[in-house]
Protein backbone atom coordinates (compact mmCIF):
# COMPACT_ATOMS: atom_id res chain seq x y z
CA MET A 1 23.04 -88.19 -2.67
CA SER A 2 22.34 -85.53 -5.27
CA ASN A 3 19.11 -85.21 -7.19
CA GLN A 4 18.70 -86.06 -10.83
CA PHE A 5 16.26 -84.31 -13.19
CA ARG A 6 15.63 -85.80 -16.62
CA ILE A 7 13.75 -83.61 -19.09
CA CYS A 8 12.95 -83.73 -22.80
CA ASN A 9 14.03 -81.16 -25.36
CA LYS A 10 11.71 -82.52 -28.06
CA CYS A 11 8.25 -82.60 -26.42
CA LYS A 12 5.94 -79.76 -27.42
CA ALA A 13 4.67 -79.10 -23.89
CA MET A 14 8.21 -78.53 -22.61
CA ASN A 15 10.24 -75.32 -22.69
CA ILE A 16 13.68 -76.29 -21.47
CA ASP A 17 14.94 -72.70 -21.74
CA SER A 18 12.65 -71.68 -18.88
CA LEU A 19 12.54 -75.03 -17.08
CA ILE A 20 16.27 -75.59 -16.56
CA PRO A 21 16.83 -72.37 -14.55
CA LYS A 22 13.86 -73.26 -12.33
CA LEU A 23 15.25 -76.73 -11.71
CA LYS A 24 18.61 -75.19 -10.81
CA GLU A 25 16.82 -72.96 -8.29
CA ILE A 26 15.39 -76.09 -6.65
CA ASP A 27 18.78 -77.81 -6.51
CA ASP A 28 21.84 -76.13 -7.97
CA ASN A 29 23.88 -79.33 -7.53
CA ALA A 30 21.40 -81.65 -9.25
CA GLU A 31 22.32 -83.52 -12.39
CA ILE A 32 20.11 -82.31 -15.24
CA ILE A 33 19.90 -84.67 -18.19
CA VAL A 34 18.31 -83.32 -21.36
CA GLY A 35 17.14 -85.62 -24.12
CA CYS A 36 14.28 -87.88 -25.19
CA GLN A 37 12.78 -89.61 -22.15
CA ASN A 38 10.32 -91.80 -24.13
CA PHE A 39 7.31 -89.94 -22.74
CA CYS A 40 6.27 -88.68 -26.18
CA GLY A 41 2.53 -89.20 -25.69
CA ILE A 42 2.42 -87.36 -22.38
CA GLY A 43 4.94 -84.73 -23.51
CA GLN A 44 2.67 -83.54 -26.32
CA THR A 45 0.20 -82.00 -23.87
CA LYS A 46 1.69 -82.05 -20.37
CA ALA A 47 4.86 -80.90 -18.69
CA PHE A 48 6.91 -83.64 -17.07
CA ALA A 49 10.26 -84.42 -15.52
CA ILE A 50 11.73 -87.61 -14.22
CA VAL A 51 12.95 -86.83 -10.73
CA ASN A 52 15.29 -89.38 -9.19
CA HIS A 53 13.88 -92.04 -11.55
CA VAL A 54 10.21 -91.22 -10.77
CA PRO A 55 8.03 -89.41 -13.34
CA VAL A 56 6.37 -86.17 -12.23
CA ILE A 57 3.60 -84.99 -14.58
CA ALA A 58 1.68 -81.71 -14.51
CA GLU A 59 -0.64 -79.59 -16.64
CA ASN A 60 1.95 -76.81 -16.99
CA GLU A 61 5.45 -75.81 -16.00
CA GLU A 62 4.38 -73.89 -12.89
CA GLU A 63 2.48 -76.89 -11.53
CA LEU A 64 5.40 -79.15 -12.44
CA ILE A 65 7.84 -77.06 -10.38
CA PHE A 66 5.41 -77.12 -7.43
CA LYS A 67 5.08 -80.92 -7.64
CA ILE A 68 8.85 -81.41 -7.89
CA LYS A 69 9.42 -79.24 -4.81
CA SER A 70 6.75 -81.18 -2.92
CA LYS A 71 8.25 -84.52 -3.95
CA LEU A 72 11.72 -83.54 -2.81
CA GLN A 73 10.46 -82.33 0.57
CA ASN A 74 8.95 -85.75 1.37
C-alpha cells in the first residue's frame, strides 16, 4: 500500500514549494494531493499534512517532516 499525503495550497503557514520535495524524499511513490483540506483554522498558524487519512500538525515545516517520518516508521 502506498502512502498518501494531503496538503493545502491556501493556508498561510504552508509553503508547498518547499514541502512537496521533502514529502517526495520521504516516499517518492506516495500520492500527494494538493488542495483545501478544511483545516483553515489550524493552517493559519501551524504546518499540517494529512498522512494516510490522519492529521499531523506541527509548529513549523521542519517539525512536520520529523513527525511524518516518525508516524510512518510506526
